[in-house]
Protein backbone atom coordinates (compact mmCIF):
# COMPACT_ATOMS: atom_id res chain seq x y z
CA MET A 1 54.19 -24.78 -1.38
CA LYS A 2 50.49 -24.05 -0.44
CA VAL A 3 50.74 -20.39 -1.34
CA SER A 4 52.30 -21.19 -4.70
CA THR A 5 49.54 -23.80 -5.50
CA GLU A 6 46.89 -21.32 -4.63
CA GLN A 7 48.42 -18.71 -6.77
CA ASN A 8 48.71 -21.23 -9.75
CA VAL A 9 45.13 -22.39 -9.48
CA HIS A 10 43.86 -18.77 -9.38
CA SER A 11 45.89 -17.47 -12.21
CA ASN A 12 45.16 -20.28 -14.71
CA LEU A 13 41.57 -21.45 -13.80
CA PHE A 14 38.19 -20.05 -12.95
CA LEU A 15 36.81 -21.82 -9.85
CA GLY A 16 33.04 -21.87 -9.64
CA GLN A 17 30.00 -22.93 -11.65
CA GLY A 18 31.95 -22.18 -14.96
CA LEU A 19 34.55 -24.89 -14.31
CA THR A 20 35.02 -27.14 -17.42
CA LYS A 21 36.27 -30.60 -17.75
CA GLN A 22 39.40 -29.53 -19.31
CA GLN A 23 40.16 -27.05 -16.46
CA ALA A 24 39.57 -29.97 -13.89
CA GLU A 25 41.93 -32.12 -15.59
CA GLN A 26 44.53 -29.44 -15.40
CA ILE A 27 44.02 -29.06 -11.74
CA TYR A 28 44.41 -32.88 -11.48
CA GLU A 29 47.95 -32.59 -13.44
CA GLN A 30 49.19 -29.94 -10.94
CA GLY A 31 49.15 -32.59 -8.14
CA LYS A 32 47.44 -33.53 -4.89
CA GLU A 33 47.62 -30.11 -3.20
CA ALA A 34 46.04 -28.38 -6.14
CA VAL A 35 43.21 -30.91 -6.14
CA ILE A 36 42.63 -30.40 -2.44
CA PHE A 37 42.72 -26.64 -2.75
CA ALA A 38 40.28 -26.66 -5.45
CA LEU A 39 37.91 -28.94 -3.74
CA LEU A 40 38.10 -26.73 -0.50
CA LYS A 41 37.48 -23.46 -2.62
CA GLN A 42 34.48 -25.08 -4.39
CA ALA A 43 32.98 -26.08 -0.96
CA GLN A 44 33.51 -22.51 0.43
CA MET A 45 31.87 -20.92 -2.64
CA LEU A 46 28.87 -23.29 -2.27
CA ALA A 47 28.51 -22.56 1.42
CA GLU A 48 28.63 -18.92 0.89
CA LYS A 49 25.91 -19.28 -1.93
CA ASN A 50 23.70 -21.36 0.33
CA ASN A 51 24.06 -18.73 3.19
CA LEU A 52 23.21 -15.85 1.17
CA PRO A 53 19.20 -16.29 1.26
CA ALA A 54 19.57 -16.78 4.99
CA ALA A 55 21.53 -13.47 5.34
CA ILE A 56 19.03 -11.64 3.44
CA ALA A 57 16.14 -13.12 5.30
CA ALA A 58 17.72 -12.12 8.67
CA ASP A 59 18.13 -8.53 7.65
CA PRO A 60 15.00 -6.71 9.39
CA SER A 61 14.88 -4.33 6.47
CA THR A 62 14.15 -6.92 3.96
CA PRO A 63 10.41 -7.14 2.91
CA SER A 64 8.79 -10.65 3.65
CA SER A 65 7.94 -10.91 -0.10
CA GLN A 66 11.76 -11.02 -0.92
CA LYS A 67 12.54 -13.70 1.76
CA PRO A 68 12.96 -17.22 0.38
CA VAL A 69 10.26 -19.54 1.83
CA PHE A 70 12.76 -22.12 2.90
CA VAL A 71 14.47 -19.66 5.38
CA LYS A 72 11.25 -18.35 7.02
CA PRO A 73 10.75 -19.80 10.46
CA ASN A 74 7.59 -21.89 11.03
CA LYS A 75 5.28 -20.61 13.63
CA ASP A 76 4.58 -22.75 16.68
CA ASP A 77 0.78 -22.79 17.42
CA LYS A 78 1.62 -23.37 21.19
CA LYS A 79 3.40 -19.97 21.28
CA ARG A 80 0.73 -17.90 19.60
CA GLY A 81 -0.28 -15.01 21.72
CA LYS A 82 -3.90 -15.29 20.43
CA ARG A 83 -5.64 -17.98 18.50
CA PRO A 84 -7.58 -16.91 15.51
CA GLY A 85 -11.30 -16.82 15.42
CA ARG A 86 -13.94 -16.08 18.23
CA LYS A 87 -13.75 -17.73 21.56
CA LYS A 88 -15.87 -20.81 22.16
CA GLY A 89 -19.53 -20.30 23.09
CA HIS A 90 -19.81 -16.96 21.35
CA LYS A 91 -22.96 -15.82 19.95
CA GLY A 92 -23.61 -17.18 16.36
CA SER A 93 -23.59 -14.97 13.35
CA ARG A 94 -24.30 -15.67 9.71
CA ARG A 95 -24.96 -13.67 6.60
CA GLN A 96 -28.04 -11.50 6.66
CA GLN A 97 -30.72 -12.32 4.30
CA PRO A 98 -31.41 -9.80 1.39
CA GLU A 99 -34.45 -7.50 1.67
CA LYS A 100 -35.54 -8.07 -1.94
CA THR A 101 -36.06 -11.29 -3.92
CA ASP A 102 -35.46 -11.04 -7.67
CA ARG A 103 -37.37 -14.19 -8.52
CA THR A 104 -38.82 -17.38 -6.95
CA VAL A 105 -38.28 -20.98 -7.97
CA GLU A 106 -40.49 -23.84 -6.62
CA HIS A 107 -39.13 -27.40 -6.37
CA ARG A 108 -40.96 -30.73 -5.89
CA ALA A 109 -39.52 -34.16 -5.87
CA ASP A 110 -40.99 -36.50 -8.51
CA CYS A 111 -40.46 -39.58 -6.38
CA CYS A 112 -39.03 -40.73 -3.20
CA PRO A 113 -35.14 -40.36 -3.46
CA ASP A 114 -34.56 -43.65 -1.08
CA CYS A 115 -37.14 -46.08 -2.55
CA GLY A 116 -38.30 -44.53 -5.77
CA GLY A 117 -42.05 -44.69 -4.59
CA LYS A 118 -44.82 -42.40 -5.53
CA LEU A 119 -45.28 -39.44 -3.30
CA LYS A 120 -48.53 -37.83 -1.85
CA LYS A 121 -48.58 -34.10 -2.05
CA CYS A 122 -48.53 -32.11 1.19
CA CYS A 123 -48.67 -28.60 2.37
CA GLY A 124 -45.19 -28.46 4.10
CA THR A 125 -42.52 -26.23 2.47
CA ARG A 126 -39.39 -24.56 3.66
CA GLN A 127 -37.36 -21.60 2.09
CA ARG A 128 -33.83 -21.28 1.21
CA ILE A 129 -32.44 -18.05 -0.01
CA ILE A 130 -29.41 -18.23 -2.52
CA GLU A 131 -27.48 -15.27 -3.80
CA ASP A 132 -25.60 -15.85 -7.10
CA ILE A 133 -24.40 -14.18 -10.31
CA PRO A 134 -26.90 -15.08 -13.26
CA GLU A 135 -25.52 -17.45 -15.63
CA ALA A 136 -25.63 -15.13 -18.75
CA VAL A 137 -23.95 -11.94 -17.46
CA ARG A 138 -23.72 -9.53 -20.35
CA VAL A 139 -23.14 -5.88 -20.89
CA GLU A 140 -26.44 -4.21 -21.82
CA THR A 141 -26.71 -2.54 -25.05
CA VAL A 142 -29.07 0.35 -25.36
CA LYS A 143 -30.14 2.24 -28.50
CA HIS A 144 -30.97 5.91 -27.59
CA ILE A 145 -33.44 7.59 -29.95
CA ILE A 146 -32.70 11.31 -29.41
CA HIS A 147 -35.59 13.56 -30.60
CA ARG A 148 -34.80 17.04 -31.88
CA ASP A 149 -37.31 19.61 -31.38
CA TRP A 150 -37.57 23.22 -32.61
CA CYS A 151 -37.21 26.09 -30.01
CA PRO A 152 -39.15 29.19 -31.43
CA ASN A 153 -37.47 31.44 -29.04
CA CYS A 154 -33.93 30.33 -29.62
CA ARG A 155 -34.75 29.60 -33.09
CA LYS A 156 -32.76 26.30 -33.25
CA ALA A 157 -33.20 22.53 -32.74
CA VAL A 158 -32.66 21.24 -29.44
CA GLU A 159 -32.21 17.78 -27.95
CA PRO A 160 -31.95 16.18 -24.30
CA VAL A 161 -28.67 15.36 -22.98
CA ILE A 162 -27.73 11.55 -22.52
CA THR A 163 -25.86 11.26 -19.16
CA ASP A 164 -25.16 7.55 -19.52
CA ALA A 165 -21.82 8.08 -21.22
CA LEU A 166 -19.35 10.84 -21.92
CA PRO A 167 -19.84 12.82 -25.18
CA ASN A 168 -18.77 11.02 -28.45
CA SER A 169 -18.22 7.71 -26.55
CA SER A 170 -19.97 4.53 -27.14
CA ILE A 171 -18.78 3.03 -23.76
CA GLY A 172 -21.00 3.83 -20.85
CA ASN A 173 -19.90 5.40 -17.63
CA GLY A 174 -20.52 2.15 -15.67
CA ILE A 175 -17.74 0.36 -17.72
CA VAL A 176 -15.44 3.29 -17.48
CA VAL A 177 -15.60 3.79 -13.78
CA LEU A 178 -15.85 0.10 -12.82
CA SER A 179 -12.56 -0.67 -14.98
CA ALA A 180 -10.73 2.39 -13.52
CA TRP A 181 -11.71 1.31 -9.96
CA LEU A 182 -10.50 -2.31 -10.65
CA HIS A 183 -7.06 -0.84 -11.90
CA PHE A 184 -6.48 2.19 -9.78
CA ALA A 185 -8.08 1.07 -6.46
CA LEU A 186 -7.77 -2.66 -6.47
CA GLY A 187 -4.39 -2.97 -8.50
CA ASN A 188 -5.76 -5.44 -11.24
CA THR A 189 -3.65 -5.27 -14.34
CA ILE A 190 -4.99 -4.09 -17.70
CA SER A 191 -4.74 -7.48 -19.19
CA GLN A 192 -6.81 -8.85 -16.33
CA ILE A 193 -9.57 -6.33 -16.71
CA VAL A 194 -9.70 -6.79 -20.49
CA ALA A 195 -10.10 -10.45 -19.94
CA VAL A 196 -12.96 -10.03 -17.47
CA PHE A 197 -14.91 -7.82 -19.95
CA ASN A 198 -14.02 -9.94 -23.01
CA PHE A 199 -14.83 -13.37 -21.47
CA HIS A 200 -16.99 -12.98 -18.37
CA LEU A 201 -19.05 -9.91 -19.47
CA GLN A 202 -18.97 -10.60 -23.21
CA PHE A 203 -17.92 -7.24 -24.03
CA LYS A 204 -15.12 -6.74 -26.42
CA ILE A 205 -12.67 -3.87 -25.42
CA SER A 206 -9.01 -3.07 -26.01
CA ALA A 207 -6.45 -2.09 -23.54
CA GLY A 208 -5.77 1.15 -25.65
CA GLY A 209 -9.38 2.00 -25.51
CA LEU A 210 -9.55 1.62 -21.73
CA VAL A 211 -6.59 3.69 -21.08
CA GLN A 212 -7.90 6.56 -23.35
CA MET A 213 -11.16 6.56 -21.33
CA TRP A 214 -9.32 6.65 -18.06
CA HIS A 215 -7.40 9.67 -19.30
CA ARG A 216 -10.77 11.34 -19.99
CA LEU A 217 -12.01 10.46 -16.57
CA SER A 218 -9.05 11.73 -14.86
CA ASP A 219 -9.33 15.24 -16.66
CA ILE A 220 -12.91 15.44 -15.42
CA LEU A 221 -11.97 14.45 -11.83
CA LEU A 222 -9.07 16.87 -11.66
CA LYS A 223 -11.08 19.31 -9.69
CA TRP A 224 -11.67 16.69 -6.97
CA TYR A 225 -7.96 16.12 -6.88
CA GLU A 226 -7.43 19.70 -6.17
CA GLU A 227 -10.19 19.61 -3.45
CA ILE A 228 -8.47 16.70 -1.78
CA ILE A 229 -5.29 18.55 -1.63
CA GLU A 230 -6.96 21.42 0.10
CA ASP A 231 -8.52 18.91 2.51
CA VAL A 232 -5.10 17.51 3.20
CA GLN A 233 -3.51 20.71 3.86
CA GLN A 234 -6.18 21.50 6.62
CA ALA A 235 -5.73 18.09 8.28
CA GLY A 236 -4.92 18.07 11.99
CA VAL A 237 -2.62 14.95 11.69
CA LEU A 238 -0.93 14.17 8.34
CA HIS A 239 1.13 11.05 7.57
CA GLY A 240 3.76 11.31 4.76
CA ASP A 241 5.50 8.57 2.90
CA GLU A 242 7.27 8.03 -0.40
CA THR A 243 8.50 4.95 -2.50
CA GLY A 244 10.25 4.46 -5.69
CA TRP A 245 8.19 4.54 -9.09
CA ARG A 246 9.22 4.38 -12.75
CA VAL A 247 7.89 6.60 -15.59
CA ASN A 248 9.02 5.57 -18.99
CA GLY A 249 11.97 3.73 -17.61
CA LYS A 250 13.21 6.55 -15.49
CA THR A 251 13.16 6.78 -11.77
CA HIS A 252 10.43 8.90 -9.99
CA TRP A 253 8.96 8.83 -6.64
CA LEU A 254 5.51 8.07 -5.61
CA TRP A 255 4.54 10.40 -2.65
CA CYS A 256 1.64 9.81 -0.30
CA PHE A 257 0.04 12.34 2.06
CA THR A 258 -2.93 11.00 4.05
CA SER A 259 -5.20 11.96 6.90
CA THR A 260 -8.21 9.96 8.20
CA THR A 261 -10.54 11.56 5.67
CA ALA A 262 -8.29 12.25 2.48
CA THR A 263 -5.27 10.71 0.60
CA ILE A 264 -3.33 12.44 -2.01
CA PHE A 265 -0.86 10.57 -4.33
CA THR A 266 1.68 12.33 -6.66
CA ILE A 267 4.26 11.08 -8.92
CA GLU A 268 7.30 13.31 -9.08
CA ARG A 269 10.83 13.16 -10.58
CA SER A 270 12.22 14.60 -7.24
CA ARG A 271 12.33 13.18 -3.68
CA ALA A 272 13.31 16.46 -2.24
CA GLY A 273 11.77 19.16 -0.19
CA PRO A 274 10.17 21.10 -2.98
CA VAL A 275 7.65 18.27 -3.53
CA VAL A 276 6.55 18.61 0.11
CA LEU A 277 6.16 22.35 -0.32
CA LYS A 278 4.26 21.89 -3.33
CA PHE A 279 1.40 19.88 -1.78
CA ILE A 280 1.75 21.23 1.98
CA LYS A 281 1.94 24.39 3.27
CA GLU A 282 5.21 25.47 4.70
CA TYR A 283 3.36 26.73 7.90
CA PHE A 284 1.16 23.77 8.16
CA ASP A 285 -1.14 24.06 11.19
CA GLY A 286 -1.24 20.26 12.03
CA VAL A 287 1.14 17.53 12.99
CA LEU A 288 3.14 15.76 10.25
CA VAL A 289 4.01 12.14 11.06
CA SER A 290 6.87 10.59 8.96
CA ASP A 291 10.14 8.85 9.00
CA PHE A 292 13.44 10.55 9.32
CA TRP A 293 13.91 11.44 5.64
CA TYR A 294 15.37 14.94 5.15
CA ALA A 295 12.72 16.26 2.74
CA TYR A 296 10.11 16.74 5.35
CA ASN A 297 12.46 19.18 7.32
CA VAL A 298 11.44 22.01 5.07
CA LEU A 299 8.11 22.24 6.95
CA THR A 300 8.09 24.45 10.18
CA CYS A 301 5.03 22.65 11.60
CA ALA A 302 5.04 20.27 14.62
CA LYS A 303 6.22 16.74 13.56
CA GLN A 304 6.41 13.22 14.94
CA LYS A 305 8.98 10.96 13.88
CA CYS A 306 8.34 7.27 13.51
CA LEU A 307 9.75 5.56 16.51
CA VAL A 308 9.51 2.17 14.78
CA HIS A 309 11.96 3.24 12.26
CA LEU A 310 14.37 4.10 15.08
CA LEU A 311 13.85 0.92 16.80
CA ARG A 312 14.45 -1.08 13.57
CA GLU A 313 17.66 0.87 13.06
CA LEU A 314 18.97 -0.24 16.50
CA GLU A 315 18.27 -3.75 15.48
CA ARG A 316 20.11 -3.50 12.07
CA VAL A 317 23.15 -2.15 13.70
CA TRP A 318 23.00 -4.99 16.27
CA LYS A 319 23.20 -7.52 13.42
CA TYR A 320 25.11 -6.09 10.48
CA LYS A 321 27.11 -3.11 11.52
CA ASP A 322 29.71 -2.17 14.10
CA SER A 323 28.14 -2.95 17.47
CA GLY A 324 31.37 -2.72 19.65
CA GLY A 325 32.63 -0.18 22.14
CA ASP A 326 29.80 1.80 23.90
CA TRP A 327 27.17 0.80 21.43
CA PRO A 328 25.45 -1.84 23.78
CA ARG A 329 25.02 0.72 26.48
CA PHE A 330 23.63 3.46 24.02
CA SER A 331 21.44 0.93 22.40
CA LYS A 332 19.98 -0.33 25.66
CA LYS A 333 19.32 3.25 26.96
CA LEU A 334 17.65 4.53 23.87
CA ARG A 335 15.60 1.23 23.39
CA ARG A 336 14.41 1.35 26.90
CA LEU A 337 13.58 5.12 26.69
CA ILE A 338 11.29 4.63 23.61
CA ARG A 339 9.47 1.77 25.16
CA ASP A 340 8.96 3.56 28.34
CA ALA A 341 7.40 6.51 26.40
CA ILE A 342 5.19 4.33 24.45
CA ARG A 343 4.02 2.63 27.66
CA LEU A 344 3.43 5.80 29.31
CA ARG A 345 1.26 7.15 26.33
CA LYS A 346 -0.85 3.92 26.63
CA ARG A 347 -1.47 4.59 30.34
CA LYS A 348 -2.48 8.26 29.85
CA ASP A 349 -6.19 7.75 30.75
CA GLU A 350 -5.30 5.80 33.88
CA LEU A 351 -2.99 8.45 35.35
CA ASP A 352 -3.63 11.89 36.80
CA GLU A 353 -2.89 14.73 34.44
CA GLN A 354 -0.29 16.22 36.85
CA VAL A 355 1.32 12.70 37.30
CA TYR A 356 1.24 12.11 33.54
CA ASN A 357 3.00 15.48 32.85
CA ARG A 358 5.79 14.98 35.27
CA ARG A 359 6.41 11.48 33.78
CA CYS A 360 6.56 13.10 30.37
CA GLU A 361 8.99 15.61 31.60
CA ARG A 362 11.13 12.69 33.09
CA ILE A 363 11.15 10.98 29.62
CA GLU A 364 12.29 14.29 27.89
CA LYS A 365 15.08 14.52 30.47
CA ARG A 366 16.38 11.14 29.88
CA LEU A 367 16.66 11.87 26.23
CA GLN A 368 18.57 15.04 26.96
CA LEU A 369 20.97 13.00 29.22
CA ILE A 370 21.63 10.58 26.32
CA LEU A 371 22.42 13.43 23.97
CA GLU A 372 24.68 15.05 26.39
CA GLN A 373 26.92 12.05 26.93
CA SER A 374 29.86 11.44 24.55
CA TRP A 375 29.62 8.14 22.68
CA SER A 376 32.67 6.57 20.75
CA ASN A 377 30.82 4.05 18.60
CA LYS A 378 30.41 5.50 15.08
CA ASN A 379 26.89 4.19 14.77
CA ALA A 380 25.96 5.73 18.11
CA LYS A 381 27.28 9.07 16.79
CA ARG A 382 25.42 8.86 13.64
CA LEU A 383 22.13 8.22 15.63
CA LEU A 384 23.08 10.85 17.99
CA LYS A 385 23.33 13.50 15.26
CA ARG A 386 19.85 12.30 14.13
CA LEU A 387 18.34 12.76 17.61
CA HIS A 388 19.95 16.03 18.04
CA ARG A 389 18.50 17.35 14.84
CA HIS A 390 15.01 15.90 15.59
CA GLN A 391 15.11 16.18 19.45
CA ASP A 392 11.68 18.18 19.51
CA GLU A 393 10.04 15.66 17.14
CA VAL A 394 10.45 12.34 19.05
CA PHE A 395 7.90 12.55 21.83
CA THR A 396 5.17 14.82 20.34
CA PHE A 397 2.69 11.98 20.72
CA LEU A 398 2.90 12.23 24.41
CA HIS A 399 1.24 15.69 24.31
CA ASN A 400 -1.28 15.10 21.51
CA ALA A 401 -3.90 12.20 21.75
CA ASP A 402 -4.39 12.15 18.03
CA VAL A 403 -0.78 11.74 17.12
CA PRO A 404 0.67 8.08 16.97
CA PHE A 405 4.23 7.07 17.67
CA ASP A 406 4.71 5.54 14.34
CA ASN A 407 3.89 6.00 10.74
CA ASN A 408 1.92 2.82 10.12
CA PHE A 409 -1.04 4.50 8.85
CA GLY A 410 0.94 6.32 6.17
CA GLU A 411 2.80 2.93 5.22
CA ARG A 412 -0.45 1.05 5.05
CA SER A 413 -2.04 3.80 2.80
CA ILE A 414 0.84 3.67 0.32
CA ARG A 415 0.93 -0.18 0.33
CA GLY A 416 -1.72 -0.47 -2.07
CA ALA A 417 0.13 1.59 -4.59
CA VAL A 418 3.29 -0.66 -3.88
CA ILE A 419 1.28 -3.71 -4.76
CA MET A 420 -0.05 -2.04 -7.82
CA ARG A 421 3.53 -1.17 -9.06
CA LYS A 422 4.50 -4.76 -8.91
CA ASN A 423 1.62 -5.81 -10.84
CA SER A 424 1.32 -2.95 -13.58
CA PHE A 425 5.11 -2.15 -14.15
CA ASN A 426 4.48 1.62 -13.27
CA ASN A 427 3.73 4.10 -15.97
CA ARG A 428 4.94 4.70 -19.49
CA SER A 429 4.25 8.34 -19.86
CA GLN A 430 3.87 11.57 -17.80
CA LYS A 431 0.27 11.52 -18.87
CA GLY A 432 -0.24 8.09 -17.42
CA ALA A 433 1.43 9.16 -14.13
CA MET A 434 -0.85 11.97 -13.81
CA THR A 435 -4.03 9.82 -14.28
CA GLN A 436 -2.53 7.42 -11.96
CA SER A 437 -2.18 10.11 -9.19
CA VAL A 438 -5.60 11.59 -9.74
CA LEU A 439 -7.78 8.36 -9.91
CA MET A 440 -5.76 6.69 -7.13
CA SER A 441 -6.30 9.75 -4.82
CA VAL A 442 -10.09 10.00 -5.73
CA PHE A 443 -10.76 6.36 -5.22
CA PHE A 444 -8.83 6.10 -2.08
CA THR A 445 -10.41 9.28 -0.55
CA ILE A 446 -14.00 8.12 -1.45
CA LYS A 447 -13.39 4.76 0.27
CA GLN A 448 -12.05 6.57 3.29
CA ARG A 449 -15.30 8.61 3.64
CA GLY A 450 -17.43 5.27 3.63
CA LEU A 451 -19.05 5.81 0.24
CA ASN A 452 -19.22 3.46 -2.81
CA PRO A 453 -16.52 4.56 -5.15
CA VAL A 454 -18.24 3.35 -8.37
CA ASP A 455 -21.60 4.72 -7.58
CA THR A 456 -20.10 8.06 -6.36
CA VAL A 457 -18.17 8.61 -9.48
CA LYS A 458 -21.07 7.51 -11.69
CA LYS A 459 -23.41 9.92 -10.17
CA ALA A 460 -20.91 12.67 -10.25
CA LEU A 461 -20.46 12.06 -14.11
CA GLN A 462 -24.13 12.24 -14.75
CA ILE A 463 -24.38 15.58 -13.09
CA TYR A 464 -21.19 16.80 -14.99
CA ILE A 465 -22.58 15.70 -18.27
CA LYS A 466 -25.93 17.40 -17.84
CA THR A 467 -24.72 20.57 -16.26
CA GLY A 468 -21.30 20.80 -17.35
CA ARG A 469 -20.16 21.27 -13.80
CA LEU A 470 -18.54 18.66 -11.47
CA PRO A 471 -20.12 18.93 -8.01
CA GLN A 472 -17.68 19.24 -5.03
CA LEU A 473 -16.63 15.84 -3.44
CA ALA A 474 -17.49 17.30 0.04
CA GLU A 475 -21.17 18.37 -0.95
CA PHE A 476 -21.60 15.08 -2.80
CA ALA A 477 -20.57 13.10 0.12
CA ALA A 478 -22.78 15.01 2.48
CA SER A 479 -25.87 14.50 0.33
CA ASN A 480 -25.38 10.86 0.39
CA ASP A 481 -24.88 10.40 4.26
């Protein structure tokens, strides 16, 4: 009777959010068992719906921004490893006073603020320095009177070059560079930038006008982009990462190759190895740090695979995949091996060189023993196949002090672009994607080298407008150290 009732309810009605009053009456007419079945089914569907956010939040691969607030655990202050802020009794610090004062304002009270009585003037004073933005901040409009004089030798009229703006442009270099920095380095949307200029700076500008000026700026700085590519190719330790991107509604990939002094971004249609060979030499002399994505296998250089990705994969299998059979033993051995290797690397300076080398050999032998054993769990076999393929790329960091065991540096470098992707909704054209790649690379690299991005690009533009040649970024940076 129960099976027939379930089949009848399923065949005639739709249980869930779309249940109507008429359908509920039909269930009631079928009798007591149909009503009970429908109520239990509704309760089950409601429970599954409520548990879905918790399941998503529990997945270690789910970004924190995609987890519902109500399923995130509350942190207990008593369990914090380190409290924020400095320790009690530390030496005080405050903002340093500026070296130059733009204007001075004197203040004198008219009467006593307590009793209202008349005051007698004294010589005592005190100073208070306040830094603020002027009340009337406006874009400066400058009329340039350009004199044309006759050159008897060349037999033509000549005039000086105006370096404050690009040729045939009424918008100064400061506005172009500042707006580009706000968008491509800080991730502000075009509408936000237009609002700042229109309302705060009292300068009317359109979104289309900004985009066209950014394209011109990108074409000029393309030589710097090529120079950054050469610097990346000569890096001793290089980090690589990639993430999804959209260009005119089609799936593309944003690639990031970064070292301590240079970062290159490129938006490509492919996520395969040819993109890596396009920007990195096949016989790269340094060490490439990346995740286990197969595209990086085209390089024949030394590599370090991110061990955090491997630990995260072990945790994901424990929670969401087949963790039966010999998986607990496999997972325990591999996790302990990775953590012992990381702990050994942190103690390298404390140990004698021979002792350290012997322990590194022991770590590598333990990995070999794991690879030689036969494991029955399908997830253990899958990870075992990955370890066989990258056996020589797991513990490179033990023998090179500059190589980390994770790819956090690469992921942090691409994070700004990910935030920008969420705000700006990617690109609408291939030209926009190229401009995005060039200006992001230039601004990120200039910041890495400790220079002011806006001032650096502005000075480079002045040299370019005057001489027709863009100075090399390395020379420009060296002259400003």
